[in-house]
PDB file of N, CA and C in Angstrom:
ATOM      1  N   MET A   1       2.873  16.606  -2.789  1.00  0.00           N
ATOM      2  CA  MET A   1       3.305  16.578  -4.159  1.00  0.00           C
ATOM      3  C   MET A   1       4.835  16.461  -4.243  1.00  0.00           C
ATOM      4  N   ASP A   2       5.522  17.284  -3.455  1.00  0.00           N
ATOM      5  CA  ASP A   2       6.987  17.259  -3.485  1.00  0.00           C
ATOM      6  C   ASP A   2       7.542  15.922  -3.001  1.00  0.00           C
ATOM      7  N   HIS A   3       6.899  15.355  -1.983  1.00  0.00           N
ATOM      8  CA  HIS A   3       7.349  14.051  -1.475  1.00  0.00           C
ATOM      9  C   HIS A   3       7.211  12.967  -2.542  1.00  0.00           C
ATOM     10  N   LEU A   4       6.087  12.969  -3.244  1.00  0.00           N
ATOM     11  CA  LEU A   4       5.888  11.972  -4.293  1.00  0.00           C
ATOM     12  C   LEU A   4       6.890  12.165  -5.425  1.00  0.00           C
ATOM     13  N   PHE A   5       7.136  13.412  -5.783  1.00  0.00           N
ATOM     14  CA  PHE A   5       8.102  13.688  -6.838  1.00  0.00           C
ATOM     15  C   PHE A   5       9.504  13.221  -6.439  1.00  0.00           C
ATOM     16  N   ASP A   6       9.906  13.538  -5.208  1.00  0.00           N
ATOM     17  CA  ASP A   6      11.221  13.099  -4.735  1.00  0.00           C
ATOM     18  C   ASP A   6      11.329  11.572  -4.747  1.00  0.00           C
ATOM     19  N   LEU A   7      10.297  10.902  -4.281  1.00  0.00           N
ATOM     20  CA  LEU A   7      10.295   9.434  -4.249  1.00  0.00           C
ATOM     21  C   LEU A   7      10.429   8.862  -5.661  1.00  0.00           C
ATOM     22  N   ASP A   8       9.620   9.365  -6.573  1.00  0.00           N
ATOM     23  CA  ASP A   8       9.619   8.847  -7.943  1.00  0.00           C
ATOM     24  C   ASP A   8      10.780   9.356  -8.792  1.00  0.00           C
ATOM     25  N   SER A   9      11.586  10.247  -8.238  1.00  0.00           N
ATOM     26  CA  SER A   9      12.777  10.731  -8.942  1.00  0.00           C
ATOM     27  C   SER A   9      14.000   9.875  -8.652  1.00  0.00           C
ATOM     28  N   ASP A  10      13.890   8.975  -7.697  1.00  0.00           N
ATOM     29  CA  ASP A  10      15.018   8.118  -7.333  1.00  0.00           C
ATOM     30  C   ASP A  10      15.072   6.928  -8.289  1.00  0.00           C
ATOM     31  N   PRO A  11      16.099   6.843  -9.132  1.00  0.00           N
ATOM     32  CA  PRO A  11      16.183   5.739 -10.092  1.00  0.00           C
ATOM     33  C   PRO A  11      16.212   4.360  -9.437  1.00  0.00           C
ATOM     34  N   GLU A  12      16.771   4.251  -8.239  1.00  0.00           N
ATOM     35  CA  GLU A  12      16.802   2.955  -7.547  1.00  0.00           C
ATOM     36  C   GLU A  12      15.412   2.529  -7.099  1.00  0.00           C
ATOM     37  N   VAL A  13      14.610   3.476  -6.630  1.00  0.00           N
ATOM     38  CA  VAL A  13      13.220   3.173  -6.260  1.00  0.00           C
ATOM     39  C   VAL A  13      12.447   2.774  -7.513  1.00  0.00           C
ATOM     40  N   MET A  14      12.609   3.535  -8.568  1.00  0.00           N
ATOM     41  CA  MET A  14      11.847   3.299  -9.790  1.00  0.00           C
ATOM     42  C   MET A  14      12.332   2.078 -10.559  1.00  0.00           C
ATOM     43  N   ARG A  15      13.503   1.597 -10.240  1.00  0.00           N
ATOM     44  CA  ARG A  15      14.030   0.392 -10.895  1.00  0.00           C
ATOM     45  C   ARG A  15      13.065  -0.776 -10.727  1.00  0.00           C
ATOM     46  N   PHE A  16      12.397  -0.856  -9.608  1.00  0.00           N
ATOM     47  CA  PHE A  16      11.464  -1.943  -9.340  1.00  0.00           C
ATOM     48  C   PHE A  16      10.100  -1.708  -9.984  1.00  0.00           C
ATOM     49  N   ILE A  17       9.857  -0.500 -10.432  1.00  0.00           N
ATOM     50  CA  ILE A  17       8.561  -0.141 -11.016  1.00  0.00           C
ATOM     51  C   ILE A  17       8.619  -0.174 -12.537  1.00  0.00           C
ATOM     52  N   ASN A  18       9.625   0.504 -13.094  1.00  0.00           N
ATOM     53  CA  ASN A  18       9.652   0.645 -14.551  1.00  0.00           C
ATOM     54  C   ASN A  18      11.074   0.589 -15.128  1.00  0.00           C
ATOM     55  N   GLY A  19      11.996   0.047 -14.370  1.00  0.00           N
ATOM     56  CA  GLY A  19      13.366  -0.043 -14.859  1.00  0.00           C
ATOM     57  C   GLY A  19      14.250   1.123 -14.480  1.00  0.00           C
ATOM     58  N   GLY A  20      13.723   2.107 -13.752  1.00  0.00           N
ATOM     59  CA  GLY A  20      14.548   3.208 -13.260  1.00  0.00           C
ATOM     60  C   GLY A  20      14.229   4.574 -13.803  1.00  0.00           C
ATOM     61  N   THR A  21      13.177   4.709 -14.592  1.00  0.00           N
ATOM     62  CA  THR A  21      12.820   5.997 -15.177  1.00  0.00           C
ATOM     63  C   THR A  21      12.030   6.849 -14.179  1.00  0.00           C
ATOM     64  N   PRO A  22      12.511   8.050 -13.868  1.00  0.00           N
ATOM     65  CA  PRO A  22      11.771   8.930 -12.959  1.00  0.00           C
ATOM     66  C   PRO A  22      10.415   9.327 -13.545  1.00  0.00           C
ATOM     67  N   THR A  23       9.462   9.585 -12.668  1.00  0.00           N
ATOM     68  CA  THR A  23       8.141  10.044 -13.091  1.00  0.00           C
ATOM     69  C   THR A  23       8.161  11.565 -13.169  1.00  0.00           C
ATOM     70  N   PRO A  24       7.801  12.152 -14.311  1.00  0.00           N
ATOM     71  CA  PRO A  24       7.783  13.614 -14.424  1.00  0.00           C
ATOM     72  C   PRO A  24       6.781  14.243 -13.445  1.00  0.00           C
ATOM     73  N   ARG A  25       7.122  15.421 -12.953  1.00  0.00           N
ATOM     74  CA  ARG A  25       6.275  16.134 -11.984  1.00  0.00           C
ATOM     75  C   ARG A  25       4.851  16.323 -12.513  1.00  0.00           C
ATOM     76  N   ASP A  26       4.705  16.687 -13.796  1.00  0.00           N
ATOM     77  CA  ASP A  26       3.357  16.927 -14.324  1.00  0.00           C
ATOM     78  C   ASP A  26       2.528  15.647 -14.351  1.00  0.00           C
ATOM     79  N   VAL A  27       3.144  14.494 -14.539  1.00  0.00           N
ATOM     80  CA  VAL A  27       2.419  13.217 -14.499  1.00  0.00           C
ATOM     81  C   VAL A  27       1.946  12.937 -13.075  1.00  0.00           C
ATOM     82  N   ILE A  28       2.792  13.211 -12.103  1.00  0.00           N
ATOM     83  CA  ILE A  28       2.386  13.016 -10.702  1.00  0.00           C
ATOM     84  C   ILE A  28       1.234  13.947 -10.360  1.00  0.00           C
ATOM     85  N   GLU A  29       1.371  15.211 -10.729  1.00  0.00           N
ATOM     86  CA  GLU A  29       0.360  16.211 -10.379  1.00  0.00           C
ATOM     87  C   GLU A  29      -0.971  15.997 -11.078  1.00  0.00           C
ATOM     88  N   HIS A  30      -0.939  15.662 -12.365  1.00  0.00           N
ATOM     89  CA  HIS A  30      -2.175  15.614 -13.149  1.00  0.00           C
ATOM     90  C   HIS A  30      -2.726  14.210 -13.379  1.00  0.00           C
ATOM     91  N   ASP A  31      -1.964  13.178 -13.089  1.00  0.00           N
ATOM     92  CA  ASP A  31      -2.417  11.812 -13.329  1.00  0.00           C
ATOM     93  C   ASP A  31      -2.389  10.974 -12.047  1.00  0.00           C
ATOM     94  N   LEU A  32      -1.197  10.795 -11.489  1.00  0.00           N
ATOM     95  CA  LEU A  32      -1.063   9.895 -10.342  1.00  0.00           C
ATOM     96  C   LEU A  32      -1.795  10.386  -9.101  1.00  0.00           C
ATOM     97  N   LEU A  33      -1.544  11.604  -8.679  1.00  0.00           N
ATOM     98  CA  LEU A  33      -2.167  12.113  -7.459  1.00  0.00           C
ATOM     99  C   LEU A  33      -3.696  12.121  -7.551  1.00  0.00           C
ATOM    100  N   PRO A  34      -4.293  12.620  -8.646  1.00  0.00           N
ATOM    101  CA  PRO A  34      -5.754  12.529  -8.744  1.00  0.00           C
ATOM    102  C   PRO A  34      -6.258  11.080  -8.719  1.00  0.00           C
ATOM    103  N   ARG A  35      -5.511  10.159  -9.333  1.00  0.00           N
ATOM    104  CA  ARG A  35      -5.915   8.753  -9.301  1.00  0.00           C
ATOM    105  C   ARG A  35      -5.840   8.204  -7.877  1.00  0.00           C
ATOM    106  N   PHE A  36      -4.763   8.541  -7.164  1.00  0.00           N
ATOM    107  CA  PHE A  36      -4.641   8.105  -5.770  1.00  0.00           C
ATOM    108  C   PHE A  36      -5.847   8.583  -4.960  1.00  0.00           C
ATOM    109  N   LEU A  37      -6.174   9.849  -5.096  1.00  0.00           N
ATOM    110  CA  LEU A  37      -7.254  10.437  -4.301  1.00  0.00           C
ATOM    111  C   LEU A  37      -8.629   9.905  -4.696  1.00  0.00           C
ATOM    112  N   SER A  38      -8.801   9.487  -5.934  1.00  0.00           N
ATOM    113  CA  SER A  38     -10.110   9.003  -6.382  1.00  0.00           C
ATOM    114  C   SER A  38     -10.536   7.725  -5.673  1.00  0.00           C
ATOM    115  N   TYR A  39      -9.597   6.951  -5.178  1.00  0.00           N
ATOM    116  CA  TYR A  39      -9.971   5.712  -4.480  1.00  0.00           C
ATOM    117  C   TYR A  39     -10.785   5.991  -3.233  1.00  0.00           C
ATOM    118  N   TYR A  40     -10.536   7.105  -2.552  1.00  0.00           N
ATOM    119  CA  TYR A  40     -11.291   7.432  -1.349  1.00  0.00           C
ATOM    120  C   TYR A  40     -12.744   7.730  -1.679  1.00  0.00           C
ATOM    121  N   GLU A  41     -12.995   8.290  -2.850  1.00  0.00           N
ATOM    122  CA  GLU A  41     -14.351   8.614  -3.262  1.00  0.00           C
ATOM    123  C   GLU A  41     -15.103   7.383  -3.764  1.00  0.00           C
ATOM    124  N   ARG A  42     -14.377   6.451  -4.401  1.00  0.00           N
ATOM    125  CA  ARG A  42     -15.031   5.316  -5.050  1.00  0.00           C
ATOM    126  C   ARG A  42     -15.137   4.068  -4.181  1.00  0.00           C
ATOM    127  N   PHE A  43     -14.213   3.880  -3.252  1.00  0.00           N
ATOM    128  CA  PHE A  43     -14.149   2.625  -2.505  1.00  0.00           C
ATOM    129  C   PHE A  43     -13.945   2.897  -1.020  1.00  0.00           C
ATOM    130  N   ALA A  44     -14.977   2.675  -0.231  1.00  0.00           N
ATOM    131  CA  ALA A  44     -14.867   2.853   1.217  1.00  0.00           C
ATOM    132  C   ALA A  44     -13.858   1.861   1.793  1.00  0.00           C
ATOM    133  N   GLY A  45     -12.947   2.365   2.600  1.00  0.00           N
ATOM    134  CA  GLY A  45     -11.967   1.522   3.265  1.00  0.00           C
ATOM    135  C   GLY A  45     -10.704   1.255   2.472  1.00  0.00           C
ATOM    136  N   TYR A  46     -10.685   1.650   1.213  1.00  0.00           N
ATOM    137  CA  TYR A  46      -9.517   1.418   0.367  1.00  0.00           C
ATOM    138  C   TYR A  46      -8.844   2.742   0.045  1.00  0.00           C
ATOM    139  N   GLY A  47      -7.626   2.670  -0.468  1.00  0.00           N
ATOM    140  CA  GLY A  47      -6.948   3.880  -0.891  1.00  0.00           C
ATOM    141  C   GLY A  47      -5.454   3.801  -0.714  1.00  0.00           C
ATOM    142  N   PHE A  48      -4.856   4.970  -0.551  1.00  0.00           N
ATOM    143  CA  PHE A  48      -3.419   5.137  -0.403  1.00  0.00           C
ATOM    144  C   PHE A  48      -3.141   5.795   0.943  1.00  0.00           C
ATOM    145  N   TRP A  49      -2.058   5.375   1.584  1.00  0.00           N
ATOM    146  CA  TRP A  49      -1.667   5.928   2.867  1.00  0.00           C
ATOM    147  C   TRP A  49      -0.199   6.332   2.822  1.00  0.00           C
ATOM    148  N   ALA A  50       0.106   7.493   3.365  1.00  0.00           N
ATOM    149  CA  ALA A  50       1.496   7.934   3.473  1.00  0.00           C
ATOM    150  C   ALA A  50       2.160   7.186   4.616  1.00  0.00           C
ATOM    151  N   ALA A  51       3.410   6.813   4.421  1.00  0.00           N
ATOM    152  CA  ALA A  51       4.215   6.211   5.485  1.00  0.00           C
ATOM    153  C   ALA A  51       5.085   7.329   6.060  1.00  0.00           C
ATOM    154  N   ILE A  52       4.882   7.613   7.333  1.00  0.00           N
ATOM    155  CA  ILE A  52       5.572   8.702   8.016  1.00  0.00           C
ATOM    156  C   ILE A  52       6.311   8.138   9.219  1.00  0.00           C
ATOM    157  N   ASP A  53       7.572   8.494   9.383  1.00  0.00           N
ATOM    158  CA  ASP A  53       8.347   8.074  10.547  1.00  0.00           C
ATOM    159  C   ASP A  53       7.780   8.778  11.780  1.00  0.00           C
ATOM    160  N   LYS A  54       7.341   8.001  12.767  1.00  0.00           N
ATOM    161  CA  LYS A  54       6.718   8.579  13.959  1.00  0.00           C
ATOM    162  C   LYS A  54       7.678   9.468  14.745  1.00  0.00           C
ATOM    163  N   ALA A  55       8.932   9.102  14.789  1.00  0.00           N
ATOM    164  CA  ALA A  55       9.906   9.860  15.591  1.00  0.00           C
ATOM    165  C   ALA A  55      10.294  11.183  14.942  1.00  0.00           C
ATOM    166  N   THR A  56      10.404  11.200  13.618  1.00  0.00           N
ATOM    167  CA  THR A  56      10.920  12.394  12.935  1.00  0.00           C
ATOM    168  C   THR A  56       9.882  13.142  12.105  1.00  0.00           C
ATOM    169  N   GLY A  57       8.781  12.487  11.784  1.00  0.00           N
ATOM    170  CA  GLY A  57       7.785  13.085  10.900  1.00  0.00           C
ATOM    171  C   GLY A  57       8.184  13.039   9.439  1.00  0.00           C
ATOM    172  N   GLU A  58       9.260  12.330   9.138  1.00  0.00           N
ATOM    173  CA  GLU A  58       9.781  12.256   7.775  1.00  0.00           C
ATOM    174  C   GLU A  58       8.911  11.353   6.898  1.00  0.00           C
ATOM    175  N   PHE A  59       8.657  11.806   5.674  1.00  0.00           N
ATOM    176  CA  PHE A  59       7.920  11.007   4.692  1.00  0.00           C
ATOM    177  C   PHE A  59       8.802   9.856   4.232  1.00  0.00           C
ATOM    178  N   LEU A  60       8.292   8.629   4.345  1.00  0.00           N
ATOM    179  CA  LEU A  60       9.049   7.440   3.969  1.00  0.00           C
ATOM    180  C   LEU A  60       8.578   6.841   2.652  1.00  0.00           C
ATOM    181  N   GLY A  61       7.341   7.110   2.278  1.00  0.00           N
ATOM    182  CA  GLY A  61       6.776   6.536   1.068  1.00  0.00           C
ATOM    183  C   GLY A  61       5.280   6.396   1.209  1.00  0.00           C
ATOM    184  N   TRP A  62       4.715   5.438   0.504  1.00  0.00           N
ATOM    185  CA  TRP A  62       3.267   5.219   0.568  1.00  0.00           C
ATOM    186  C   TRP A  62       2.933   3.740   0.410  1.00  0.00           C
ATOM    187  N   PHE A  63       1.714   3.413   0.830  1.00  0.00           N
ATOM    188  CA  PHE A  63       1.149   2.069   0.701  1.00  0.00           C
ATOM    189  C   PHE A  63      -0.215   2.207   0.061  1.00  0.00           C
ATOM    190  N   HIS A  64      -0.611   1.213  -0.707  1.00  0.00           N
ATOM    191  CA  HIS A  64      -1.984   1.204  -1.203  1.00  0.00           C
ATOM    192  C   HIS A  64      -2.623  -0.149  -0.936  1.00  0.00           C
ATOM    193  N   PHE A  65      -3.925  -0.080  -0.780  1.00  0.00           N
ATOM    194  CA  PHE A  65      -4.774  -1.254  -0.589  1.00  0.00           C
ATOM    195  C   PHE A  65      -6.032  -0.928  -1.361  1.00  0.00           C
ATOM    196  N   ARG A  66      -6.201  -1.565  -2.526  1.00  0.00           N
ATOM    197  CA  ARG A  66      -7.252  -1.123  -3.437  1.00  0.00           C
ATOM    198  C   ARG A  66      -7.646  -2.238  -4.392  1.00  0.00           C
ATOM    199  N   PRO A  67      -8.839  -2.127  -4.955  1.00  0.00           N
ATOM    200  CA  PRO A  67      -9.204  -3.022  -6.045  1.00  0.00           C
ATOM    201  C   PRO A  67      -8.440  -2.605  -7.293  1.00  0.00           C
ATOM    202  N   PRO A  68      -7.721  -3.510  -7.947  1.00  0.00           N
ATOM    203  CA  PRO A  68      -7.021  -3.128  -9.171  1.00  0.00           C
ATOM    204  C   PRO A  68      -7.999  -2.952 -10.328  1.00  0.00           C
ATOM    205  N   GLU A  69      -7.561  -2.248 -11.345  1.00  0.00           N
ATOM    206  CA  GLU A  69      -8.390  -2.038 -12.537  1.00  0.00           C
ATOM    207  C   GLU A  69      -8.834  -3.388 -13.098  1.00  0.00           C
ATOM    208  N   GLY A  70     -10.121  -3.520 -13.375  1.00  0.00           N
ATOM    209  CA  GLY A  70     -10.653  -4.717 -13.999  1.00  0.00           C
ATOM    210  C   GLY A  70     -10.757  -5.932 -13.092  1.00  0.00           C
ATOM    211  N   ALA A  71     -10.565  -5.754 -11.798  1.00  0.00           N
ATOM    212  CA  ALA A  71     -10.602  -6.888 -10.868  1.00  0.00           C
ATOM    213  C   ALA A  71     -12.025  -7.375 -10.652  1.00  0.00           C
ATOM    214  N   SER A  72     -12.117  -8.627 -10.292  1.00  0.00           N
ATOM    215  CA  SER A  72     -13.403  -9.194  -9.900  1.00  0.00           C
ATOM    216  C   SER A  72     -13.774  -8.661  -8.523  1.00  0.00           C
ATOM    217  N   PRO A  73     -15.072  -8.657  -8.196  1.00  0.00           N
ATOM    218  CA  PRO A  73     -15.472  -8.223  -6.858  1.00  0.00           C
ATOM    219  C   PRO A  73     -14.753  -9.067  -5.800  1.00  0.00           C
ATOM    220  N   GLY A  74     -14.303  -8.409  -4.755  1.00  0.00           N
ATOM    221  CA  GLY A  74     -13.644  -9.121  -3.673  1.00  0.00           C
ATOM    222  C   GLY A  74     -12.147  -9.274  -3.839  1.00  0.00           C
ATOM    223  N   GLU A  75     -11.584  -8.814  -4.956  1.00  0.00           N
ATOM    224  CA  GLU A  75     -10.138  -8.881  -5.137  1.00  0.00           C
ATOM    225  C   GLU A  75      -9.523  -7.536  -4.759  1.00  0.00           C
ATOM    226  N   VAL A  76      -8.352  -7.604  -4.167  1.00  0.00           N
ATOM    227  CA  VAL A  76      -7.689  -6.385  -3.731  1.00  0.00           C
ATOM    228  C   VAL A  76      -6.191  -6.523  -3.966  1.00  0.00           C
ATOM    229  N   GLU A  77      -5.545  -5.391  -4.147  1.00  0.00           N
ATOM    230  CA  GLU A  77      -4.110  -5.344  -4.382  1.00  0.00           C
ATOM    231  C   GLU A  77      -3.464  -4.525  -3.260  1.00  0.00           C
ATOM    232  N   LEU A  78      -2.364  -5.010  -2.743  1.00  0.00           N
ATOM    233  CA  LEU A  78      -1.582  -4.291  -1.748  1.00  0.00           C
ATOM    234  C   LEU A  78      -0.237  -3.971  -2.379  1.00  0.00           C
ATOM    235  N   GLY A  79       0.185  -2.736  -2.264  1.00  0.00           N
ATOM    236  CA  GLY A  79       1.477  -2.349  -2.827  1.00  0.00           C
ATOM    237  C   GLY A  79       2.073  -1.205  -2.043  1.00  0.00           C
ATOM    238  N   TYR A  80       3.339  -0.964  -2.276  1.00  0.00           N
ATOM    239  CA  TYR A  80       3.978   0.163  -1.611  1.00  0.00           C
ATOM    240  C   TYR A  80       5.222   0.602  -2.359  1.00  0.00           C
ATOM    241  N   ARG A  81       5.616   1.823  -2.045  1.00  0.00           N
ATOM    242  CA  ARG A  81       6.835   2.406  -2.596  1.00  0.00           C
ATOM    243  C   ARG A  81       7.489   3.186  -1.454  1.00  0.00           C
ATOM    244  N   LEU A  82       8.731   2.840  -1.144  1.00  0.00           N
ATOM    245  CA  LEU A  82       9.438   3.462  -0.031  1.00  0.00           C
ATOM    246  C   LEU A  82      10.758   4.076  -0.473  1.00  0.00           C
ATOM    247  N   ARG A  83      11.137   5.150   0.178  1.00  0.00           N
ATOM    248  CA  ARG A  83      12.449   5.755  -0.046  1.00  0.00           C
ATOM    249  C   ARG A  83      13.524   4.749   0.323  1.00  0.00           C
ATOM    250  N   GLN A  84      14.673   4.843  -0.307  1.00  0.00           N
ATOM    251  CA  GLN A  84      15.772   3.920  -0.023  1.00  0.00           C
ATOM    252  C   GLN A  84      16.143   3.902   1.454  1.00  0.00           C
ATOM    253  N   ALA A  85      16.096   5.057   2.104  1.00  0.00           N
ATOM    254  CA  ALA A  85      16.460   5.142   3.519  1.00  0.00           C
ATOM    255  C   ALA A  85      15.555   4.278   4.393  1.00  0.00           C
ATOM    256  N   ALA A  86      14.368   3.941   3.895  1.00  0.00           N
ATOM    257  CA  ALA A  86      13.424   3.131   4.667  1.00  0.00           C
ATOM    258  C   ALA A  86      13.544   1.637   4.365  1.00  0.00           C
ATOM    259  N   TRP A  87      14.307   1.282   3.353  1.00  0.00           N
ATOM    260  CA  TRP A  87      14.451  -0.126   2.993  1.00  0.00           C
ATOM    261  C   TRP A  87      15.144  -0.894   4.113  1.00  0.00           C
ATOM    262  N   GLY A  88      14.689  -2.102   4.352  1.00  0.00           N
ATOM    263  CA  GLY A  88      15.322  -2.971   5.337  1.00  0.00           C
ATOM    264  C   GLY A  88      15.033  -2.602   6.780  1.00  0.00           C
ATOM    265  N   GLN A  89      14.097  -1.689   7.009  1.00  0.00           N
ATOM    266  CA  GLN A  89      13.779  -1.239   8.359  1.00  0.00           C
ATOM    267  C   GLN A  89      12.495  -1.869   8.915  1.00  0.00           C
ATOM    268  N   GLY A  90      11.836  -2.707   8.123  1.00  0.00           N
ATOM    269  CA  GLY A  90      10.616  -3.369   8.590  1.00  0.00           C
ATOM    270  C   GLY A  90       9.327  -2.622   8.304  1.00  0.00           C
ATOM    271  N   TYR A  91       9.410  -1.461   7.659  1.00  0.00           N
ATOM    272  CA  TYR A  91       8.196  -0.688   7.374  1.00  0.00           C
ATOM    273  C   TYR A  91       7.270  -1.427   6.411  1.00  0.00           C
ATOM    274  N   GLY A  92       7.842  -2.057   5.389  1.00  0.00           N
ATOM    275  CA  GLY A  92       7.022  -2.798   4.427  1.00  0.00           C
ATOM    276  C   GLY A  92       6.251  -3.913   5.094  1.00  0.00           C
ATOM    277  N   THR A  93       6.920  -4.661   5.949  1.00  0.00           N
ATOM    278  CA  THR A  93       6.276  -5.765   6.660  1.00  0.00           C
ATOM    279  C   THR A  93       5.205  -5.249   7.608  1.00  0.00           C
ATOM    280  N   GLU A  94       5.540  -4.229   8.396  1.00  0.00           N
ATOM    281  CA  GLU A  94       4.607  -3.704   9.395  1.00  0.00           C
ATOM    282  C   GLU A  94       3.331  -3.168   8.746  1.00  0.00           C
ATOM    283  N   ALA A  95       3.478  -2.336   7.749  1.00  0.00           N
ATOM    284  CA  ALA A  95       2.300  -1.738   7.109  1.00  0.00           C
ATOM    285  C   ALA A  95       1.518  -2.773   6.302  1.00  0.00           C
ATOM    286  N   SER A  96       2.200  -3.690   5.643  1.00  0.00           N
ATOM    287  CA  SER A  96       1.501  -4.723   4.874  1.00  0.00           C
ATOM    288  C   SER A  96       0.656  -5.593   5.794  1.00  0.00           C
ATOM    289  N   ARG A  97       1.213  -5.967   6.931  1.00  0.00           N
ATOM    290  CA  ARG A  97       0.433  -6.761   7.897  1.00  0.00           C
ATOM    291  C   ARG A  97      -0.797  -5.999   8.373  1.00  0.00           C
ATOM    292  N   ALA A  98      -0.623  -4.703   8.640  1.00  0.00           N
ATOM    293  CA  ALA A  98      -1.758  -3.889   9.096  1.00  0.00           C
ATOM    294  C   ALA A  98      -2.841  -3.808   8.022  1.00  0.00           C
ATOM    295  N   LEU A  99      -2.446  -3.633   6.765  1.00  0.00           N
ATOM    296  CA  LEU A  99      -3.436  -3.545   5.692  1.00  0.00           C
ATOM    297  C   LEU A  99      -4.101  -4.886   5.418  1.00  0.00           C
ATOM    298  N   ILE A 100      -3.368  -5.964   5.525  1.00  0.00           N
ATOM    299  CA  ILE A 100      -3.977  -7.290   5.367  1.00  0.00           C
ATOM    300  C   ILE A 100      -4.985  -7.525   6.488  1.00  0.00           C
ATOM    301  N   ARG A 101      -4.622  -7.159   7.713  1.00  0.00           N
ATOM    302  CA  ARG A 101      -5.553  -7.289   8.846  1.00  0.00           C
ATOM    303  C   ARG A 101      -6.800  -6.450   8.585  1.00  0.00           C
ATOM    304  N   LYS A 102      -6.606  -5.233   8.098  1.00  0.00           N
ATOM    305  CA  LYS A 102      -7.742  -4.358   7.763  1.00  0.00           C
ATOM    306  C   LYS A 102      -8.635  -5.035   6.728  1.00  0.00           C
ATOM    307  N   GLY A 103      -8.023  -5.622   5.718  1.00  0.00           N
ATOM    308  CA  GLY A 103      -8.796  -6.279   4.667  1.00  0.00           C
ATOM    309  C   GLY A 103      -9.644  -7.428   5.168  1.00  0.00           C
ATOM    310  N   PHE A 104      -9.105  -8.215   6.068  1.00  0.00           N
ATOM    311  CA  PHE A 104      -9.841  -9.369   6.557  1.00  0.00           C
ATOM    312  C   PHE A 104     -10.826  -9.020   7.662  1.00  0.00           C
ATOM    313  N   THR A 105     -10.655  -7.891   8.325  1.00  0.00           N
ATOM    314  CA  THR A 105     -11.574  -7.529   9.404  1.00  0.00           C
ATOM    315  C   THR A 105     -12.551  -6.443   8.976  1.00  0.00           C
ATOM    316  N   GLU A 106     -12.043  -5.262   8.626  1.00  0.00           N
ATOM    317  CA  GLU A 106     -12.915  -4.144   8.285  1.00  0.00           C
ATOM    318  C   GLU A 106     -13.577  -4.286   6.922  1.00  0.00           C
ATOM    319  N   CYS A 107     -12.824  -4.673   5.931  1.00  0.00           N
ATOM    320  CA  CYS A 107     -13.338  -4.719   4.561  1.00  0.00           C
ATOM    321  C   CYS A 107     -13.893  -6.091   4.200  1.00  0.00           C
ATOM    322  N   ARG A 108     -13.675  -7.061   5.046  1.00  0.00           N
ATOM    323  CA  ARG A 108     -14.096  -8.447   4.787  1.00  0.00           C
ATOM    324  C   ARG A 108     -13.492  -8.952   3.484  1.00  0.00           C
ATOM    325  N   GLN A 109     -12.289  -8.503   3.231  1.00  0.00           N
ATOM    326  CA  GLN A 109     -11.575  -8.893   2.020  1.00  0.00           C
ATOM    327  C   GLN A 109     -11.001 -10.291   2.193  1.00  0.00           C
ATOM    328  N   LEU A 110     -11.346 -11.185   1.304  1.00  0.00           N
ATOM    329  CA  LEU A 110     -10.909 -12.568   1.453  1.00  0.00           C
ATOM    330  C   LEU A 110     -10.072 -13.082   0.293  1.00  0.00           C
ATOM    331  N   ARG A 111      -9.876 -12.285  -0.759  1.00  0.00           N
ATOM    332  CA  ARG A 111      -9.129 -12.754  -1.927  1.00  0.00           C
ATOM    333  C   ARG A 111      -8.032 -11.782  -2.310  1.00  0.00           C
ATOM    334  N   PRO A 112      -6.970 -11.683  -1.529  1.00  0.00           N
ATOM    335  CA  PRO A 112      -5.897 -10.779  -1.912  1.00  0.00           C
ATOM    336  C   PRO A 112      -5.173 -11.261  -3.148  1.00  0.00           C
ATOM    337  N   LEU A 113      -4.735 -10.322  -3.956  1.00  0.00           N
ATOM    338  CA  LEU A 113      -3.950 -10.615  -5.147  1.00  0.00           C
ATOM    339  C   LEU A 113      -2.500 -10.302  -4.865  1.00  0.00           C
ATOM    340  N   ARG A 114      -1.616 -10.950  -5.569  1.00  0.00           N
ATOM    341  CA  ARG A 114      -0.202 -10.653  -5.423  1.00  0.00           C
ATOM    342  C   ARG A 114       0.348 -10.324  -6.791  1.00  0.00           C
ATOM    343  N   HIS A 115       1.061  -9.229  -6.850  1.00  0.00           N
ATOM    344  CA  HIS A 115       1.695  -8.826  -8.095  1.00  0.00           C
ATOM    345  C   HIS A 115       2.990  -8.146  -7.746  1.00  0.00           C
ATOM    346  N   HIS A 116       4.012  -8.453  -8.460  1.00  0.00           N
ATOM    347  CA  HIS A 116       5.268  -7.736  -8.287  1.00  0.00           C
ATOM    348  C   HIS A 116       5.867  -7.511  -9.651  1.00  0.00           C
ATOM    349  N   PRO A 117       6.515  -6.369  -9.828  1.00  0.00           N
ATOM    350  CA  PRO A 117       7.106  -6.067 -11.142  1.00  0.00           C
ATOM    351  C   PRO A 117       8.188  -7.078 -11.513  1.00  0.00           C
ATOM    352  N   PRO A 118       8.426  -7.243 -12.798  1.00  0.00           N
ATOM    353  CA  PRO A 118       9.454  -8.192 -13.231  1.00  0.00           C
ATOM    354  C   PRO A 118      10.841  -7.789 -12.748  1.00  0.00           C
TER     355      PRO A 118
END
């Protein structure tokens, strides 16, 4: 919970999501976190994953691989949010490649969607 709050409290991180507005702690606790966890119950093989630095154990952010709301069967969305300290270090590329590989092998996902905030 604290890691998500810290991540979403950084205006530079949130600039790419909503223009820079931090997410209130109660929204993370009562809305976002339960929504993140619900994917594990509803969709086998999909969900959210924490990005952790192997050397330090430091929380870097998260990645998701999930069917978006209202999507057609077989469509999936890949997204991530990383702390500024992790930007430019290759974590986005490494984890995205792993999730795409998972989609095409384990989940038999063949129609990835692409979306990025304005």
